[in-house]
Amino acid sequence: RADVAAVVLVRRTDCWVRRGGCLARRGDCFAGSMRCFVGSMRC
């Protein structure tokens, strides 16, 4: 939904943002609500 792409490095895992969903690969670093929030702030 945006024209800009970025990479977020979160300790031992990667986070993908696809249409508001948050996925984690090779790790268990999930938010407690199991959601990925998109806003106008830094990650």
PDB file of all heavy atoms in Angstrom:
ATOM      1  N   ARG A   1       0.822  -1.204   0.000  1.00  0.00           N
ATOM      2  CA  ARG A   1       0.000   0.000   0.000  1.00  0.00           C
ATOM      3  C   ARG A   1       0.867   1.269   0.000  1.00  0.00           C
ATOM      4  O   ARG A   1       0.364   2.380   0.011  1.00  0.00           O
ATOM      5  CB  ARG A   1      -0.935  -0.026   1.200  1.00  0.00           C
ATOM      6  CG  ARG A   1      -1.892  -1.220   1.193  1.00  0.00           C
ATOM      7  CD  ARG A   1      -2.729  -1.260   2.463  1.00  0.00           C
ATOM      8  NE  ARG A   1      -3.516  -0.031   2.571  1.00  0.00           N
ATOM      9  CZ  ARG A   1      -4.294   0.244   3.619  1.00  0.00           C
ATOM     10  NH1 ARG A   1      -4.337  -0.600   4.631  1.00  0.00           N
ATOM     11  NH2 ARG A   1      -4.984   1.361   3.646  1.00  0.00           N
ATOM     12  N   ALA A   2       2.171   1.130   0.106  1.00  0.00           N
ATOM     13  CA  ALA A   2       3.055   2.294   0.130  1.00  0.00           C
ATOM     14  C   ALA A   2       4.085   2.183  -0.978  1.00  0.00           C
ATOM     15  O   ALA A   2       4.342   1.106  -1.520  1.00  0.00           O
ATOM     16  CB  ALA A   2       3.745   2.413   1.481  1.00  0.00           C
ATOM     17  N   ASP A   3       4.703   3.313  -1.276  1.00  0.00           N
ATOM     18  CA  ASP A   3       5.729   3.330  -2.307  1.00  0.00           C
ATOM     19  C   ASP A   3       7.126   3.145  -1.748  1.00  0.00           C
ATOM     20  O   ASP A   3       8.121   3.228  -2.465  1.00  0.00           O
ATOM     21  CB  ASP A   3       5.686   4.662  -3.077  1.00  0.00           C
ATOM     22  CG  ASP A   3       4.373   4.832  -3.787  1.00  0.00           C
ATOM     23  OD1 ASP A   3       3.775   3.782  -4.150  1.00  0.00           O
ATOM     24  OD2 ASP A   3       3.939   5.977  -3.957  1.00  0.00           O
ATOM     25  N   VAL A   4       7.199   2.961  -0.464  1.00  0.00           N
ATOM     26  CA  VAL A   4       8.492   2.875   0.174  1.00  0.00           C
ATOM     27  C   VAL A   4       8.632   1.513   0.815  1.00  0.00           C
ATOM     28  O   VAL A   4       7.685   0.990   1.382  1.00  0.00           O
ATOM     29  CB  VAL A   4       8.661   3.978   1.241  1.00  0.00           C
ATOM     30  CG1 VAL A   4      10.035   3.898   1.874  1.00  0.00           C
ATOM     31  CG2 VAL A   4       8.441   5.337   0.608  1.00  0.00           C
ATOM     32  N   ALA A   5       9.793   0.952   0.757  1.00  0.00           N
ATOM     33  CA  ALA A   5      10.074  -0.326   1.390  1.00  0.00           C
ATOM     34  C   ALA A   5      11.168  -0.139   2.404  1.00  0.00           C
ATOM     35  O   ALA A   5      12.015   0.731   2.267  1.00  0.00           O
ATOM     36  CB  ALA A   5      10.495  -1.375   0.363  1.00  0.00           C
ATOM     37  N   ALA A   6      11.159  -0.975   3.413  1.00  0.00           N
ATOM     38  CA  ALA A   6      12.170  -0.874   4.453  1.00  0.00           C
ATOM     39  C   ALA A   6      12.396  -2.236   5.050  1.00  0.00           C
ATOM     40  O   ALA A   6      11.605  -3.145   4.883  1.00  0.00           O
ATOM     41  CB  ALA A   6      11.732   0.118   5.528  1.00  0.00           C
ATOM     42  N   VAL A   7      13.530  -2.305   5.746  1.00  0.00           N
ATOM     43  CA  VAL A   7      13.869  -3.552   6.426  1.00  0.00           C
ATOM     44  C   VAL A   7      13.963  -3.259   7.907  1.00  0.00           C
ATOM     45  O   VAL A   7      14.612  -2.288   8.297  1.00  0.00           O
ATOM     46  CB  VAL A   7      15.198  -4.118   5.908  1.00  0.00           C
ATOM     47  CG1 VAL A   7      15.572  -5.371   6.688  1.00  0.00           C
ATOM     48  CG2 VAL A   7      15.094  -4.409   4.431  1.00  0.00           C
ATOM     49  N   VAL A   8      13.317  -4.069   8.703  1.00  0.00           N
ATOM     50  CA  VAL A   8      13.380  -3.929  10.149  1.00  0.00           C
ATOM     51  C   VAL A   8      14.133  -5.109  10.694  1.00  0.00           C
ATOM     52  O   VAL A   8      13.730  -6.259  10.478  1.00  0.00           O
ATOM     53  CB  VAL A   8      11.975  -3.863  10.780  1.00  0.00           C
ATOM     54  CG1 VAL A   8      12.112  -3.775  12.290  1.00  0.00           C
ATOM     55  CG2 VAL A   8      11.244  -2.659  10.237  1.00  0.00           C
ATOM     56  N   LEU A   9      15.210  -4.858  11.397  1.00  0.00           N
ATOM     57  CA  LEU A   9      15.974  -5.917  12.020  1.00  0.00           C
ATOM     58  C   LEU A   9      15.587  -5.967  13.482  1.00  0.00           C
ATOM     59  O   LEU A   9      15.804  -5.018  14.217  1.00  0.00           O
ATOM     60  CB  LEU A   9      17.471  -5.648  11.858  1.00  0.00           C
ATOM     61  CG  LEU A   9      17.955  -5.509  10.417  1.00  0.00           C
ATOM     62  CD1 LEU A   9      19.450  -5.260  10.412  1.00  0.00           C
ATOM     63  CD2 LEU A   9      17.603  -6.733   9.612  1.00  0.00           C
ATOM     64  N   VAL A  10      15.021  -7.060  13.897  1.00  0.00           N
ATOM     65  CA  VAL A  10      14.568  -7.200  15.277  1.00  0.00           C
ATOM     66  C   VAL A  10      15.309  -8.353  15.897  1.00  0.00           C
ATOM     67  O   VAL A  10      14.933  -9.512  15.761  1.00  0.00           O
ATOM     68  CB  VAL A  10      13.038  -7.473  15.347  1.00  0.00           C
ATOM     69  CG1 VAL A  10      12.631  -7.532  16.796  1.00  0.00           C
ATOM     70  CG2 VAL A  10      12.309  -6.384  14.610  1.00  0.00           C
ATOM     71  N   ARG A  11      16.389  -8.081  16.543  1.00  0.00           N
ATOM     72  CA  ARG A  11      17.218  -9.058  17.210  1.00  0.00           C
ATOM     73  C   ARG A  11      17.423 -10.302  16.359  1.00  0.00           C
ATOM     74  O   ARG A  11      18.258 -10.333  15.487  1.00  0.00           O
ATOM     75  CB  ARG A  11      16.621  -9.429  18.564  1.00  0.00           C
ATOM     76  CG  ARG A  11      16.743  -8.283  19.556  1.00  0.00           C
ATOM     77  CD  ARG A  11      16.321  -8.678  20.932  1.00  0.00           C
ATOM     78  NE  ARG A  11      16.502  -7.582  21.860  1.00  0.00           N
ATOM     79  CZ  ARG A  11      16.202  -7.623  23.146  1.00  0.00           C
ATOM     80  NH1 ARG A  11      15.702  -8.729  23.652  1.00  0.00           N
ATOM     81  NH2 ARG A  11      16.404  -6.585  23.917  1.00  0.00           N
ATOM     82  N   ARG A  12      16.620 -11.368  16.598  1.00  0.00           N
ATOM     83  CA  ARG A  12      16.924 -12.640  15.953  1.00  0.00           C
ATOM     84  C   ARG A  12      15.880 -13.037  14.924  1.00  0.00           C
ATOM     85  O   ARG A  12      15.688 -14.195  14.644  1.00  0.00           O
ATOM     86  CB  ARG A  12      17.042 -13.727  17.011  1.00  0.00           C
ATOM     87  CG  ARG A  12      18.269 -13.559  17.904  1.00  0.00           C
ATOM     88  CD  ARG A  12      18.319 -14.636  18.939  1.00  0.00           C
ATOM     89  NE  ARG A  12      17.118 -14.601  19.784  1.00  0.00           N
ATOM     90  CZ  ARG A  12      16.826 -15.551  20.674  1.00  0.00           C
ATOM     91  NH1 ARG A  12      17.631 -16.577  20.792  1.00  0.00           N
ATOM     92  NH2 ARG A  12      15.747 -15.448  21.424  1.00  0.00           N
ATOM     93  N   THR A  13      15.127 -12.106  14.424  1.00  0.00           N
ATOM     94  CA  THR A  13      14.067 -12.498  13.498  1.00  0.00           C
ATOM     95  C   THR A  13      13.805 -11.396  12.483  1.00  0.00           C
ATOM     96  O   THR A  13      14.276 -10.269  12.630  1.00  0.00           O
ATOM     97  CB  THR A  13      12.779 -12.820  14.258  1.00  0.00           C
ATOM     98  OG1 THR A  13      11.817 -13.334  13.330  1.00  0.00           O
ATOM     99  CG2 THR A  13      12.213 -11.566  14.895  1.00  0.00           C
ATOM    100  N   ASP A  14      13.079 -11.716  11.469  1.00  0.00           N
ATOM    101  CA  ASP A  14      12.677 -10.747  10.462  1.00  0.00           C
ATOM    102  C   ASP A  14      11.195 -10.506  10.559  1.00  0.00           C
ATOM    103  O   ASP A  14      10.445 -11.409  10.895  1.00  0.00           O
ATOM    104  CB  ASP A  14      13.003 -11.280   9.055  1.00  0.00           C
ATOM    105  CG  ASP A  14      14.488 -11.498   8.894  1.00  0.00           C
ATOM    106  OD1 ASP A  14      15.248 -10.833   9.639  1.00  0.00           O
ATOM    107  OD2 ASP A  14      14.870 -12.331   8.063  1.00  0.00           O
ATOM    108  N   CYS A  15      10.772  -9.302  10.220  1.00  0.00           N
ATOM    109  CA  CYS A  15       9.349  -8.976  10.264  1.00  0.00           C
ATOM    110  C   CYS A  15       8.915  -8.519   8.887  1.00  0.00           C
ATOM    111  O   CYS A  15       9.550  -7.647   8.296  1.00  0.00           O
ATOM    112  CB  CYS A  15       9.090  -7.878  11.295  1.00  0.00           C
ATOM    113  SG  CYS A  15       7.350  -7.402  11.354  1.00  0.00           S
ATOM    114  N   TRP A  16       7.906  -9.116   8.374  1.00  0.00           N
ATOM    115  CA  TRP A  16       7.342  -8.706   7.107  1.00  0.00           C
ATOM    116  C   TRP A  16       6.023  -8.002   7.360  1.00  0.00           C
ATOM    117  O   TRP A  16       5.256  -8.427   8.214  1.00  0.00           O
ATOM    118  CB  TRP A  16       7.053  -9.916   6.195  1.00  0.00           C
ATOM    119  CG  TRP A  16       8.272 -10.610   5.695  1.00  0.00           C
ATOM    120  CD1 TRP A  16       9.553 -10.332   6.005  1.00  0.00           C
ATOM    121  CD2 TRP A  16       8.280 -11.686   4.792  1.00  0.00           C
ATOM    122  NE1 TRP A  16      10.409 -11.159   5.365  1.00  0.00           N
ATOM    123  CE2 TRP A  16       9.639 -12.029   4.593  1.00  0.00           C
ATOM    124  CE3 TRP A  16       7.304 -12.396   4.106  1.00  0.00           C
ATOM    125  CZ2 TRP A  16      10.037 -13.052   3.765  1.00  0.00           C
ATOM    126  CZ3 TRP A  16       7.703 -13.412   3.279  1.00  0.00           C
ATOM    127  CH2 TRP A  16       9.059 -13.732   3.103  1.00  0.00           C
ATOM    128  N   VAL A  17       5.734  -7.019   6.616  1.00  0.00           N
ATOM    129  CA  VAL A  17       4.431  -6.355   6.692  1.00  0.00           C
ATOM    130  C   VAL A  17       3.733  -6.521   5.359  1.00  0.00           C
ATOM    131  O   VAL A  17       4.254  -6.099   4.338  1.00  0.00           O
ATOM    132  CB  VAL A  17       4.573  -4.862   7.034  1.00  0.00           C
ATOM    133  CG1 VAL A  17       3.207  -4.200   7.060  1.00  0.00           C
ATOM    134  CG2 VAL A  17       5.269  -4.703   8.354  1.00  0.00           C
ATOM    135  N   ARG A  18       2.632  -7.230   5.380  1.00  0.00           N
ATOM    136  CA  ARG A  18       1.853  -7.421   4.170  1.00  0.00           C
ATOM    137  C   ARG A  18       0.395  -7.116   4.482  1.00  0.00           C
ATOM    138  O   ARG A  18      -0.260  -7.874   5.186  1.00  0.00           O
ATOM    139  CB  ARG A  18       1.969  -8.858   3.660  1.00  0.00           C
ATOM    140  CG  ARG A  18       3.349  -9.196   3.116  1.00  0.00           C
ATOM    141  CD  ARG A  18       3.356 -10.599   2.575  1.00  0.00           C
ATOM    142  NE  ARG A  18       4.661 -10.944   2.046  1.00  0.00           N
ATOM    143  CZ  ARG A  18       4.960 -12.150   1.560  1.00  0.00           C
ATOM    144  NH1 ARG A  18       4.040 -13.104   1.561  1.00  0.00           N
ATOM    145  NH2 ARG A  18       6.163 -12.409   1.086  1.00  0.00           N
ATOM    146  N   ARG A  19      -0.086  -6.017   3.994  1.00  0.00           N
ATOM    147  CA  ARG A  19      -1.470  -5.625   4.185  1.00  0.00           C
ATOM    148  C   ARG A  19      -1.864  -5.621   5.649  1.00  0.00           C
ATOM    149  O   ARG A  19      -2.892  -6.135   6.046  1.00  0.00           O
ATOM    150  CB  ARG A  19      -2.398  -6.551   3.399  1.00  0.00           C
ATOM    151  CG  ARG A  19      -2.158  -6.484   1.906  1.00  0.00           C
ATOM    152  CD  ARG A  19      -3.116  -7.375   1.168  1.00  0.00           C
ATOM    153  NE  ARG A  19      -2.839  -7.342  -0.257  1.00  0.00           N
ATOM    154  CZ  ARG A  19      -3.505  -8.075  -1.145  1.00  0.00           C
ATOM    155  NH1 ARG A  19      -4.462  -8.880  -0.738  1.00  0.00           N
ATOM    156  NH2 ARG A  19      -3.200  -7.983  -2.427  1.00  0.00           N
ATOM    157  N   GLY A  20      -1.012  -5.119   6.447  1.00  0.00           N
ATOM    158  CA  GLY A  20      -1.337  -4.982   7.858  1.00  0.00           C
ATOM    159  C   GLY A  20      -1.088  -6.211   8.683  1.00  0.00           C
ATOM    160  O   GLY A  20      -1.339  -6.228   9.875  1.00  0.00           O
ATOM    161  N   GLY A  21      -0.585  -7.278   8.099  1.00  0.00           N
ATOM    162  CA  GLY A  21      -0.327  -8.484   8.868  1.00  0.00           C
ATOM    163  C   GLY A  21       1.131  -8.611   9.222  1.00  0.00           C
ATOM    164  O   GLY A  21       2.009  -8.171   8.497  1.00  0.00           O
ATOM    165  N   CYS A  22       1.419  -9.219  10.338  1.00  0.00           N
ATOM    166  CA  CYS A  22       2.799  -9.349  10.795  1.00  0.00           C
ATOM    167  C   CYS A  22       3.186 -10.807  10.784  1.00  0.00           C
ATOM    168  O   CYS A  22       2.497 -11.636  11.383  1.00  0.00           O
ATOM    169  CB  CYS A  22       2.954  -8.769  12.197  1.00  0.00           C
ATOM    170  SG  CYS A  22       4.638  -8.871  12.809  1.00  0.00           S
ATOM    171  N   LEU A  23       4.270 -11.133  10.098  1.00  0.00           N
ATOM    172  CA  LEU A  23       4.740 -12.498  10.045  1.00  0.00           C
ATOM    173  C   LEU A  23       6.163 -12.547  10.566  1.00  0.00           C
ATOM    174  O   LEU A  23       6.933 -11.607  10.404  1.00  0.00           O
ATOM    175  CB  LEU A  23       4.702 -13.046   8.614  1.00  0.00           C
ATOM    176  CG  LEU A  23       3.352 -12.986   7.888  1.00  0.00           C
ATOM    177  CD1 LEU A  23       3.500 -13.441   6.466  1.00  0.00           C
ATOM    178  CD2 LEU A  23       2.340 -13.838   8.643  1.00  0.00           C
ATOM    179  N   ALA A  24       6.539 -13.625  11.167  1.00  0.00           N
ATOM    180  CA  ALA A  24       7.904 -13.792  11.669  1.00  0.00           C
ATOM    181  C   ALA A  24       8.478 -15.074  11.096  1.00  0.00           C
ATOM    182  O   ALA A  24       7.787 -16.078  11.002  1.00  0.00           O
ATOM    183  CB  ALA A  24       7.929 -13.841  13.177  1.00  0.00           C
ATOM    184  N   ARG A  25       9.731 -15.035  10.731  1.00  0.00           N
ATOM    185  CA  ARG A  25      10.398 -16.221  10.220  1.00  0.00           C
ATOM    186  C   ARG A  25      11.540 -16.587  11.149  1.00  0.00           C
ATOM    187  O   ARG A  25      12.279 -15.731  11.606  1.00  0.00           O
ATOM    188  CB  ARG A  25      10.921 -15.971   8.813  1.00  0.00           C
ATOM    189  CG  ARG A  25       9.825 -15.857   7.769  1.00  0.00           C
ATOM    190  CD  ARG A  25      10.392 -15.979   6.388  1.00  0.00           C
ATOM    191  NE  ARG A  25      11.386 -14.934   6.111  1.00  0.00           N
ATOM    192  CZ  ARG A  25      12.043 -14.859   4.962  1.00  0.00           C
ATOM    193  NH1 ARG A  25      11.856 -15.765   4.027  1.00  0.00           N
ATOM    194  NH2 ARG A  25      12.898 -13.900   4.764  1.00  0.00           N
ATOM    195  N   ARG A  26      11.684 -17.889  11.353  1.00  0.00           N
ATOM    196  CA  ARG A  26      12.786 -18.409  12.139  1.00  0.00           C
ATOM    197  C   ARG A  26      12.892 -17.716  13.494  1.00  0.00           C
ATOM    198  O   ARG A  26      13.939 -17.327  13.929  1.00  0.00           O
ATOM    199  CB  ARG A  26      14.093 -18.282  11.362  1.00  0.00           C
ATOM    200  CG  ARG A  26      14.154 -19.162  10.140  1.00  0.00           C
ATOM    201  CD  ARG A  26      15.534 -19.138   9.551  1.00  0.00           C
ATOM    202  NE  ARG A  26      15.897 -17.796   9.077  1.00  0.00           N
ATOM    203  CZ  ARG A  26      15.552 -17.324   7.896  1.00  0.00           C
ATOM    204  NH1 ARG A  26      14.834 -18.061   7.075  1.00  0.00           N
ATOM    205  NH2 ARG A  26      15.941 -16.121   7.526  1.00  0.00           N
ATOM    206  N   GLY A  27      11.781 -17.567  14.143  1.00  0.00           N
ATOM    207  CA  GLY A  27      11.821 -16.960  15.459  1.00  0.00           C
ATOM    208  C   GLY A  27      10.451 -16.947  16.100  1.00  0.00           C
ATOM    209  O   GLY A  27       9.465 -17.380  15.520  1.00  0.00           O
ATOM    210  N   ASP A  28      10.377 -16.477  17.308  1.00  0.00           N
ATOM    211  CA  ASP A  28       9.123 -16.429  18.050  1.00  0.00           C
ATOM    212  C   ASP A  28       8.892 -15.039  18.607  1.00  0.00           C
ATOM    213  O   ASP A  28       8.375 -14.855  19.691  1.00  0.00           O
ATOM    214  CB  ASP A  28       9.117 -17.458  19.172  1.00  0.00           C
ATOM    215  CG  ASP A  28      10.335 -17.340  20.053  1.00  0.00           C
ATOM    216  OD1 ASP A  28      11.143 -16.454  19.784  1.00  0.00           O
ATOM    217  OD2 ASP A  28      10.452 -18.133  21.003  1.00  0.00           O
ATOM    218  N   CYS A  29       9.353 -14.008  17.879  1.00  0.00           N
ATOM    219  CA  CYS A  29       9.219 -12.635  18.349  1.00  0.00           C
ATOM    220  C   CYS A  29       7.944 -12.054  17.783  1.00  0.00           C
ATOM    221  O   CYS A  29       7.930 -11.451  16.708  1.00  0.00           O
ATOM    222  CB  CYS A  29      10.442 -11.819  17.915  1.00  0.00           C
ATOM    223  SG  CYS A  29      10.376 -10.105  18.441  1.00  0.00           S
ATOM    224  N   PHE A  30       6.838 -12.288  18.472  1.00  0.00           N
ATOM    225  CA  PHE A  30       5.533 -11.797  18.041  1.00  0.00           C
ATOM    226  C   PHE A  30       5.009 -10.820  19.076  1.00  0.00           C
ATOM    227  O   PHE A  30       5.269 -10.943  20.263  1.00  0.00           O
ATOM    228  CB  PHE A  30       4.517 -12.945  17.919  1.00  0.00           C
ATOM    229  CG  PHE A  30       4.551 -13.598  16.575  1.00  0.00           C
ATOM    230  CD1 PHE A  30       5.580 -14.453  16.241  1.00  0.00           C
ATOM    231  CD2 PHE A  30       3.557 -13.363  15.654  1.00  0.00           C
ATOM    232  CE1 PHE A  30       5.608 -15.072  15.014  1.00  0.00           C
ATOM    233  CE2 PHE A  30       3.587 -13.977  14.430  1.00  0.00           C
ATOM    234  CZ  PHE A  30       4.620 -14.830  14.101  1.00  0.00           C
ATOM    235  N   ALA A  31       4.245  -9.864  18.621  1.00  0.00           N
ATOM    236  CA  ALA A  31       3.582  -8.969  19.567  1.00  0.00           C
ATOM    237  C   ALA A  31       2.521  -9.745  20.319  1.00  0.00           C
ATOM    238  O   ALA A  31       1.984 -10.726  19.816  1.00  0.00           O
ATOM    239  CB  ALA A  31       2.963  -7.788  18.831  1.00  0.00           C
ATOM    240  N   GLY A  32       2.209  -9.270  21.549  1.00  0.00           N
ATOM    241  CA  GLY A  32       1.246  -9.997  22.367  1.00  0.00           C
ATOM    242  C   GLY A  32      -0.108 -10.111  21.710  1.00  0.00           C
ATOM    243  O   GLY A  32      -0.809 -11.080  21.862  1.00  0.00           O
ATOM    244  N   SER A  33      -0.534  -9.137  20.989  1.00  0.00           N
ATOM    245  CA  SER A  33      -1.830  -9.168  20.325  1.00  0.00           C
ATOM    246  C   SER A  33      -1.774  -9.851  18.981  1.00  0.00           C
ATOM    247  O   SER A  33      -2.772  -9.933  18.278  1.00  0.00           O
ATOM    248  CB  SER A  33      -2.358  -7.745  20.135  1.00  0.00           C
ATOM    249  OG  SER A  33      -1.455  -7.009  19.340  1.00  0.00           O
ATOM    250  N   MET A  34      -0.600 -10.298  18.586  1.00  0.00           N
ATOM    251  CA  MET A  34      -0.395 -11.030  17.336  1.00  0.00           C
ATOM    252  C   MET A  34      -0.752 -10.183  16.120  1.00  0.00           C
ATOM    253  O   MET A  34      -1.188 -10.681  15.099  1.00  0.00           O
ATOM    254  CB  MET A  34      -1.212 -12.316  17.323  1.00  0.00           C
ATOM    255  CG  MET A  34      -0.851 -13.284  18.445  1.00  0.00           C
ATOM    256  SD  MET A  34       0.853 -13.811  18.367  1.00  0.00           S
ATOM    257  CE  MET A  34       0.811 -14.778  16.888  1.00  0.00           C
ATOM    258  N   ARG A  35      -0.593  -8.868  16.244  1.00  0.00           N
ATOM    259  CA  ARG A  35      -0.896  -7.998  15.123  1.00  0.00           C
ATOM    260  C   ARG A  35       0.296  -7.077  14.820  1.00  0.00           C
ATOM    261  O   ARG A  35       1.128  -6.813  15.676  1.00  0.00           O
ATOM    262  CB  ARG A  35      -2.122  -7.133  15.396  1.00  0.00           C
ATOM    263  CG  ARG A  35      -3.420  -7.920  15.461  1.00  0.00           C
ATOM    264  CD  ARG A  35      -4.568  -6.982  15.678  1.00  0.00           C
ATOM    265  NE  ARG A  35      -5.819  -7.702  15.747  1.00  0.00           N
ATOM    266  CZ  ARG A  35      -6.997  -7.118  15.948  1.00  0.00           C
ATOM    267  NH1 ARG A  35      -7.046  -5.808  16.091  1.00  0.00           N
ATOM    268  NH2 ARG A  35      -8.091  -7.838  16.001  1.00  0.00           N
ATOM    269  N   CYS A  36       0.312  -6.566  13.613  1.00  0.00           N
ATOM    270  CA  CYS A  36       1.329  -5.581  13.229  1.00  0.00           C
ATOM    271  C   CYS A  36       0.614  -4.274  12.950  1.00  0.00           C
ATOM    272  O   CYS A  36      -0.310  -4.221  12.142  1.00  0.00           O
ATOM    273  CB  CYS A  36       2.075  -6.055  11.990  1.00  0.00           C
ATOM    274  SG  CYS A  36       3.381  -4.944  11.484  1.00  0.00           S
ATOM    275  N   PHE A  37       0.955  -3.277  13.678  1.00  0.00           N
ATOM    276  CA  PHE A  37       0.305  -1.981  13.544  1.00  0.00           C
ATOM    277  C   PHE A  37       1.070  -1.096  12.567  1.00  0.00           C
ATOM    278  O   PHE A  37       2.299  -1.036  12.595  1.00  0.00           O
ATOM    279  CB  PHE A  37       0.223  -1.272  14.897  1.00  0.00           C
ATOM    280  CG  PHE A  37      -0.688  -1.966  15.843  1.00  0.00           C
ATOM    281  CD1 PHE A  37      -0.200  -2.980  16.657  1.00  0.00           C
ATOM    282  CD2 PHE A  37      -2.022  -1.635  15.925  1.00  0.00           C
ATOM    283  CE1 PHE A  37      -1.028  -3.608  17.550  1.00  0.00           C
ATOM    284  CE2 PHE A  37      -2.848  -2.278  16.805  1.00  0.00           C
ATOM    285  CZ  PHE A  37      -2.355  -3.264  17.615  1.00  0.00           C
ATOM    286  N   VAL A  38       0.376  -0.387  11.731  1.00  0.00           N
ATOM    287  CA  VAL A  38       0.955   0.539  10.761  1.00  0.00           C
ATOM    288  C   VAL A  38       0.545   1.956  11.125  1.00  0.00           C
ATOM    289  O   VAL A  38      -0.636   2.241  11.289  1.00  0.00           O
ATOM    290  CB  VAL A  38       0.516   0.206   9.337  1.00  0.00           C
ATOM    291  CG1 VAL A  38       1.098   1.209   8.345  1.00  0.00           C
ATOM    292  CG2 VAL A  38       0.922  -1.202   8.987  1.00  0.00           C
ATOM    293  N   GLY A  39       1.495   2.834  11.302  1.00  0.00           N
ATOM    294  CA  GLY A  39       1.165   4.207  11.669  1.00  0.00           C
ATOM    295  C   GLY A  39       2.183   5.182  11.084  1.00  0.00           C
ATOM    296  O   GLY A  39       2.908   4.875  10.155  1.00  0.00           O
ATOM    297  N   SER A  40       2.244   6.347  11.641  1.00  0.00           N
ATOM    298  CA  SER A  40       3.141   7.387  11.133  1.00  0.00           C
ATOM    299  C   SER A  40       4.367   7.565  12.023  1.00  0.00           C
ATOM    300  O   SER A  40       4.927   8.642  12.116  1.00  0.00           O
ATOM    301  CB  SER A  40       2.380   8.702  11.032  1.00  0.00           C
ATOM    302  OG  SER A  40       1.890   9.074  12.309  1.00  0.00           O
ATOM    303  N   MET A  41       4.768   6.524  12.699  1.00  0.00           N
ATOM    304  CA  MET A  41       5.922   6.596  13.576  1.00  0.00           C
ATOM    305  C   MET A  41       6.969   5.599  13.121  1.00  0.00           C
ATOM    306  O   MET A  41       6.733   4.784  12.236  1.00  0.00           O
ATOM    307  CB  MET A  41       5.494   6.293  15.018  1.00  0.00           C
ATOM    308  CG  MET A  41       4.494   7.294  15.595  1.00  0.00           C
ATOM    309  SD  MET A  41       3.947   6.797  17.213  1.00  0.00           S
ATOM    310  CE  MET A  41       5.494   6.830  18.080  1.00  0.00           C
ATOM    311  N   ARG A  42       8.092   5.676  13.798  1.00  0.00           N
ATOM    312  CA  ARG A  42       9.139   4.719  13.500  1.00  0.00           C
ATOM    313  C   ARG A  42       8.697   3.312  13.907  1.00  0.00           C
ATOM    314  O   ARG A  42       7.831   3.147  14.746  1.00  0.00           O
ATOM    315  CB  ARG A  42      10.409   5.089  14.254  1.00  0.00           C
ATOM    316  CG  ARG A  42      11.144   6.287  13.685  1.00  0.00           C
ATOM    317  CD  ARG A  42      12.291   6.645  14.598  1.00  0.00           C
ATOM    318  NE  ARG A  42      13.100   7.685  14.024  1.00  0.00           N
ATOM    319  CZ  ARG A  42      14.144   7.479  13.251  1.00  0.00           C
ATOM    320  NH1 ARG A  42      14.509   6.251  12.976  1.00  0.00           N
ATOM    321  NH2 ARG A  42      14.844   8.488  12.756  1.00  0.00           N
ATOM    322  N   CYS A  43       9.379   2.357  13.349  1.00  0.00           N
ATOM    323  CA  CYS A  43       9.097   0.971  13.719  1.00  0.00           C
ATOM    324  C   CYS A  43       9.689   0.729  15.092  1.00  0.00           C
ATOM    325  O   CYS A  43      10.897   0.837  15.282  1.00  0.00           O
ATOM    326  CB  CYS A  43       9.691   0.012  12.691  1.00  0.00           C
ATOM    327  SG  CYS A  43       9.276  -1.700  13.049  1.00  0.00           S
TER     328      CYS A  43
END
